[in-house]
């Protein structure tokens, strides 16, 4: 089944909820960046959160998540938008450790706990909205929860998870975000807290074959979820040969001529999707003619 995301209202409008399956999306990121298991889990969790946060936007709005925890994985960077498109990478994709004391991938050790999680939203205004909070866990689900509560003042619960196969491919990935609306009743809050304390890890639910709709029912209870929208999600980068060519043209004739004379060719590398674009001497000379 292709990955997709659902938006829902729950408990008669007292709760807003999102859930997403990202097994194929995270798998694409793993293939492109050759991530090892712990790095795959960290990047995959961030991608799942990014897709759900992107779904909170509208139109052409987009956002960038940056996780700098001071750990050996380095920086995690994820871009997403309101259309279900996401891209991302980690500085050191070949990062992996033995399982932690709970028998799970040691994401905390890879990410680190001495740093920040920041979110920059481009919502079409002159100034971007930027929110930044300290890393409180390094497991990322708790860190995104803390971000919503602290930076956006929205009581939330974020669950994100990734399971990795022995051959490093992605077995299961996805997540949920539960947010209380103003005026949510104490009884509703207590019921949600009780259910959250008892459900299995999100990656286990996906591995068991649960859909995003069924995940929300597990978290919030049967009959409490009203799905408003369903949208496909995918790993998609905005880079292209044409864009790279335009960037080279913007360097100007003198700079392109210098590249031709010193290198004889040009190579551009996109960090987000790991694509490489080669430009021969003849192609550079054509771009030189277009430049001012």
Protein backbone atom coordinates (compact mmCIF):
# COMPACT_ATOMS: atom_id res chain seq x y z
CA UNK A 1 0.00 0.00 0.00
CA UNK A 2 1.27 3.47 -0.86
CA UNK A 3 2.01 5.84 2.01
CA UNK A 4 -0.69 8.29 3.00
CA UNK A 5 -1.77 10.69 5.74
CA UNK A 6 -5.11 11.34 7.37
CA UNK A 7 -6.43 14.43 9.14
CA UNK A 8 -9.19 13.96 11.68
CA UNK A 9 -11.29 15.61 14.35
CA UNK A 10 -12.01 13.56 17.43
CA UNK A 11 -14.18 13.66 20.53
CA UNK A 12 -16.71 15.92 18.79
CA UNK A 13 -14.12 18.52 17.82
CA UNK A 14 -12.20 18.61 21.09
CA UNK A 15 -9.15 16.97 19.52
CA UNK A 16 -7.32 17.42 16.22
CA UNK A 17 -5.37 14.41 15.01
CA UNK A 18 -3.00 13.35 12.24
CA UNK A 19 -1.59 9.93 11.38
CA UNK A 20 0.69 8.85 8.57
CA UNK A 21 2.23 5.71 7.11
CA UNK A 22 5.72 6.43 5.75
CA UNK A 23 7.31 3.02 5.15
CA UNK A 24 7.91 3.63 1.43
CA UNK A 25 8.83 7.30 1.94
CA UNK A 26 11.43 6.54 4.59
CA UNK A 27 12.58 3.60 2.47
CA UNK A 28 13.26 6.00 -0.40
CA UNK A 29 15.31 8.23 1.90
CA UNK A 30 17.23 5.20 3.14
CA UNK A 31 18.05 4.09 -0.40
CA UNK A 32 19.11 7.55 -1.53
CA UNK A 33 21.38 8.24 1.44
CA UNK A 34 22.50 4.67 2.28
CA UNK A 35 21.59 5.24 5.91
CA UNK A 36 22.46 2.63 8.51
CA UNK A 37 19.74 1.50 10.96
CA UNK A 38 20.11 4.07 13.75
CA UNK A 39 20.46 6.91 11.25
CA UNK A 40 17.44 5.55 9.35
CA UNK A 41 15.37 5.61 12.54
CA UNK A 42 16.36 9.21 13.35
CA UNK A 43 15.79 10.48 9.82
CA UNK A 44 12.60 8.46 9.41
CA UNK A 45 11.08 9.77 12.63
CA UNK A 46 11.87 13.32 11.56
CA UNK A 47 10.38 12.73 8.10
CA UNK A 48 7.16 11.34 9.59
CA UNK A 49 6.84 14.32 11.93
CA UNK A 50 7.66 16.69 9.08
CA UNK A 51 4.92 15.29 6.86
CA UNK A 52 2.29 15.69 9.57
CA UNK A 53 3.46 19.21 10.40
CA UNK A 54 3.40 20.05 6.70
CA UNK A 55 -0.21 18.84 6.56
CA UNK A 56 -1.06 21.56 9.07
CA UNK A 57 -0.10 24.18 6.46
CA UNK A 58 -2.10 25.44 3.48
CA UNK A 59 -1.54 26.06 -0.25
CA UNK A 60 2.09 26.71 -1.12
CA UNK A 61 3.25 26.97 2.50
CA UNK A 62 6.27 24.92 3.53
CA UNK A 63 8.52 24.33 6.50
CA UNK A 64 12.01 23.20 7.42
CA UNK A 65 12.88 21.14 10.49
CA UNK A 66 16.44 21.20 11.81
CA UNK A 67 17.59 18.90 14.60
CA UNK A 68 21.00 19.67 16.09
CA UNK A 69 21.42 17.50 19.16
CA UNK A 70 25.21 17.42 19.28
CA UNK A 71 25.33 13.66 18.64
CA UNK A 72 27.45 11.72 16.12
CA UNK A 73 24.67 11.70 13.51
CA UNK A 74 25.17 15.46 13.07
CA UNK A 75 22.37 17.66 11.76
CA UNK A 76 19.02 16.26 10.60
CA UNK A 77 17.32 18.50 8.04
CA UNK A 78 13.81 17.91 6.68
CA UNK A 79 11.73 19.99 4.27
CA UNK A 80 7.99 19.42 3.85
CA UNK A 81 4.93 21.18 2.47
CA UNK A 82 1.15 21.13 2.52
CA UNK A 83 1.01 18.76 -0.47
CA UNK A 84 2.40 15.67 1.27
CA UNK A 85 5.89 16.07 -0.17
CA UNK A 86 9.00 15.68 1.97
CA UNK A 87 12.75 15.46 1.59
CA UNK A 88 15.52 15.16 4.15
CA UNK A 89 19.02 14.05 5.05
CA UNK A 90 21.41 13.56 7.95
CA UNK A 91 25.01 14.76 8.06
CA UNK A 92 26.43 11.33 8.87
CA UNK A 93 24.12 8.70 7.33
CA UNK A 94 26.39 5.76 8.18
CA UNK A 95 25.76 6.06 11.92
CA UNK A 96 24.74 2.99 13.90
CA UNK A 97 25.01 1.65 17.45
CA UNK A 98 24.08 -1.46 19.35
CA UNK A 99 20.48 -1.61 20.59
CA UNK A 100 19.76 0.33 23.78
CA UNK A 101 18.73 -1.14 27.14
CA UNK A 102 15.13 -1.47 25.88
CA UNK A 103 16.24 -3.48 22.86
CA UNK A 104 15.51 -0.62 20.45
CA UNK A 105 17.61 1.42 18.04
CA UNK A 106 19.58 3.94 20.10
CA UNK A 107 18.30 7.11 18.44
CA UNK A 108 19.00 9.21 21.54
CA UNK A 109 22.70 8.35 21.40
CA UNK A 110 22.87 9.17 17.69
CA UNK A 111 20.96 12.46 17.90
CA UNK A 112 22.38 13.69 21.19
CA UNK A 113 20.68 15.72 23.91
CA UNK A 114 22.76 18.91 23.90
CA UNK A 115 21.24 21.12 21.25
CA UNK A 116 18.05 22.38 19.66
CA UNK A 117 15.09 21.47 17.47
CA UNK A 118 14.01 24.33 15.24
CA UNK A 119 11.13 24.77 12.81
CA UNK A 120 11.05 27.49 10.17
CA UNK A 121 7.70 28.05 8.41
CA UNK A 122 7.39 29.86 5.09
CA UNK A 123 3.72 30.82 4.94
CA UNK A 124 4.01 33.40 2.17
CA UNK A 125 4.73 36.40 4.37
CA UNK A 126 7.79 38.65 4.29
CA UNK A 127 9.13 37.19 7.53
CA UNK A 128 9.34 33.49 8.29
CA UNK A 129 7.93 32.03 11.51
CA UNK A 130 10.72 30.41 13.50
CA UNK A 131 10.32 28.30 16.62
CA UNK A 132 13.19 26.73 18.52
CA UNK A 133 13.32 24.55 21.62
CA UNK A 134 16.07 22.63 23.40
CA UNK A 135 16.36 18.91 22.78
CA UNK A 136 14.78 17.24 25.81
CA UNK A 137 15.04 13.57 24.88
CA UNK A 138 16.87 12.85 21.65
CA UNK A 139 14.24 10.19 20.88
CA UNK A 140 12.50 12.86 18.75
CA UNK A 141 8.87 12.00 19.50
CA UNK A 142 9.19 13.65 22.91
CA UNK A 143 11.16 16.50 21.36
CA UNK A 144 8.43 17.30 18.83
CA UNK A 145 5.85 17.07 21.62
CA UNK A 146 7.87 19.60 23.62
CA UNK A 147 8.14 21.84 20.56
CA UNK A 148 4.36 22.03 20.11
CA UNK A 149 3.69 22.67 23.79
CA UNK A 150 6.45 25.25 24.22
CA UNK A 151 6.78 27.02 20.88
CA UNK A 152 3.21 26.84 19.56
CA UNK A 153 1.40 26.54 22.92
CA UNK A 154 -0.62 23.55 21.69
CA UNK A 155 -0.91 20.60 24.11
CA UNK A 156 0.13 17.67 21.93
CA UNK A 157 1.35 14.10 21.85
CA UNK A 158 3.67 13.00 19.05
CA UNK A 159 4.48 9.37 18.30
CA UNK A 160 6.93 8.50 15.52
CA UNK A 161 8.68 5.21 14.83
CA UNK A 162 10.77 3.25 12.37
CA UNK A 163 11.57 -0.46 12.18
CA UNK A 164 14.58 -1.56 10.12
CA UNK A 165 15.15 -4.94 8.45
CA UNK A 166 18.43 -6.87 8.89
CA UNK A 167 19.46 -5.79 5.36
CA UNK A 168 19.02 -2.09 6.35
CA UNK A 169 15.80 -1.65 4.36
CA UNK A 170 12.76 -0.15 6.09
CA UNK A 171 10.24 -2.61 7.53
CA UNK A 172 7.74 -0.10 8.92
CA UNK A 173 7.53 3.64 9.60
CA UNK A 174 4.91 6.19 10.50
CA UNK A 175 3.52 8.37 13.22
CA UNK A 176 0.68 10.30 14.81
CA UNK A 177 0.10 13.73 16.31
CA UNK A 178 -2.75 14.33 18.76
CA UNK A 179 -3.55 17.94 19.67
CA UNK A 180 -6.06 19.30 22.19
CA UNK A 181 -8.31 22.07 20.97
CA UNK A 182 -9.20 25.01 23.26
CA UNK A 183 -11.92 23.97 25.70
CA UNK A 184 -11.15 20.24 25.66
CA UNK A 185 -12.84 18.60 28.65
CA UNK A 186 -10.83 17.09 31.51
CA UNK A 187 -12.56 13.75 31.00
CA UNK A 188 -11.46 13.69 27.34
CA UNK A 189 -7.90 14.51 28.33
CA UNK A 190 -7.86 11.74 30.93
CA UNK A 191 -9.19 9.17 28.45
CA UNK A 192 -6.53 10.07 25.88
CA UNK A 193 -3.73 9.99 28.45
CA UNK A 194 -4.89 6.54 29.60
CA UNK A 195 -4.96 5.15 26.07
CA UNK A 196 -1.57 6.65 25.19
CA UNK A 197 -0.04 4.92 28.22
CA UNK A 198 -1.25 1.51 27.00
CA UNK A 199 -0.80 1.41 23.22
CA UNK A 200 2.17 -0.39 21.60
CA UNK A 201 4.91 1.65 19.86
CA UNK A 202 3.70 3.28 16.64
CA UNK A 203 6.10 1.26 14.46
CA UNK A 204 4.66 -1.96 15.90
CA UNK A 205 1.15 -0.84 14.95
CA UNK A 206 2.26 -0.21 11.37
CA UNK A 207 4.13 -3.52 11.25
CA UNK A 208 0.88 -5.21 12.28
CA UNK A 209 -0.74 -3.72 9.19
CA UNK A 210 -2.78 -0.98 10.84
CA UNK A 211 -3.75 1.91 8.57
CA UNK A 212 -3.42 5.54 9.70
CA UNK A 213 -7.17 5.54 10.41
CA UNK A 214 -6.84 2.42 12.57
CA UNK A 215 -3.84 3.90 14.38
CA UNK A 216 -5.94 6.89 15.41
CA UNK A 217 -8.67 4.55 16.61
CA UNK A 218 -6.09 2.69 18.69
CA UNK A 219 -4.93 5.96 20.22
CA UNK A 220 -8.32 7.64 20.65
CA UNK A 221 -10.83 4.79 20.76
CA UNK A 222 -13.36 3.39 18.31
CA UNK A 223 -16.11 5.80 17.39
CA UNK A 224 -14.18 8.87 18.51
CA UNK A 225 -12.43 9.59 15.20
CA UNK A 226 -13.95 11.49 12.27
CA UNK A 227 -11.58 11.50 9.27
CA UNK A 228 -11.70 14.80 7.39
CA UNK A 229 -9.11 14.26 4.68
CA UNK A 230 -6.80 11.62 3.25
CA UNK A 231 -3.75 12.53 1.16
CA UNK A 232 -0.85 10.61 -0.40
CA UNK A 233 2.68 11.38 0.82
CA UNK A 234 6.04 10.81 -0.82
CA UNK A 235 9.74 11.62 -0.78
CA UNK A 236 10.10 14.32 -3.42
CA UNK A 237 12.95 16.74 -4.02
CA UNK A 238 12.61 20.06 -5.78
CA UNK A 239 16.03 19.88 -7.40
CA UNK A 240 16.36 19.36 -11.15
CA UNK A 241 18.94 19.69 -13.89
CA UNK A 242 17.18 22.82 -15.10
CA UNK A 243 17.36 24.45 -11.66
CA UNK A 244 21.05 23.65 -11.30
CA UNK A 245 21.66 25.03 -14.78
CA UNK A 246 19.86 28.26 -13.87
CA UNK A 247 21.98 28.51 -10.74
CA UNK A 248 25.12 28.20 -12.83
CA UNK A 249 23.86 30.87 -15.22
CA UNK A 250 23.29 33.19 -12.27
CA UNK A 251 27.01 32.99 -11.45
CA UNK A 252 27.76 35.12 -14.51
CA UNK A 253 29.98 34.72 -17.56
CA UNK A 254 33.28 35.30 -15.76
CA UNK A 255 32.63 32.64 -13.12
CA UNK A 256 31.46 30.07 -15.67
CA UNK A 257 34.49 30.80 -17.85
CA UNK A 258 36.74 30.23 -14.82
CA UNK A 259 35.09 26.84 -14.20
CA UNK A 260 35.59 25.89 -17.86
CA UNK A 261 39.27 26.85 -17.84
CA UNK A 262 40.17 25.39 -14.43
CA UNK A 263 37.95 22.31 -14.20
CA UNK A 264 36.67 21.69 -17.73
CA UNK A 265 33.33 20.49 -16.32
CA UNK A 266 31.02 21.01 -13.35
CA UNK A 267 29.29 18.68 -10.88
CA UNK A 268 26.49 19.67 -8.53
CA UNK A 269 25.28 17.53 -5.63
CA UNK A 270 21.91 17.85 -3.89
CA UNK A 271 22.22 17.07 -0.18
CA UNK A 272 18.49 16.41 0.18
CA UNK A 273 18.13 13.63 -2.39
CA UNK A 274 21.77 12.73 -3.13
CA UNK A 275 21.36 13.29 -6.88
CA UNK A 276 24.43 14.42 -8.82
CA UNK A 277 24.27 16.58 -11.94
CA UNK A 278 27.15 16.63 -14.42
CA UNK A 279 27.75 19.49 -16.88
CA UNK A 280 30.29 18.97 -19.66
CA UNK A 281 32.50 21.67 -21.12
CA UNK A 282 30.14 22.08 -24.08
CA UNK A 283 27.14 22.42 -21.78
CA UNK A 284 28.96 25.00 -19.67
CA UNK A 285 29.78 26.98 -22.80
CA UNK A 286 26.08 27.02 -23.68
CA UNK A 287 25.25 28.27 -20.18
CA UNK A 288 27.98 30.87 -20.53
CA UNK A 289 26.16 32.29 -23.56
CA UNK A 290 22.99 32.65 -21.49
CA UNK A 291 24.74 34.39 -18.60
CA UNK A 292 25.02 38.15 -18.25
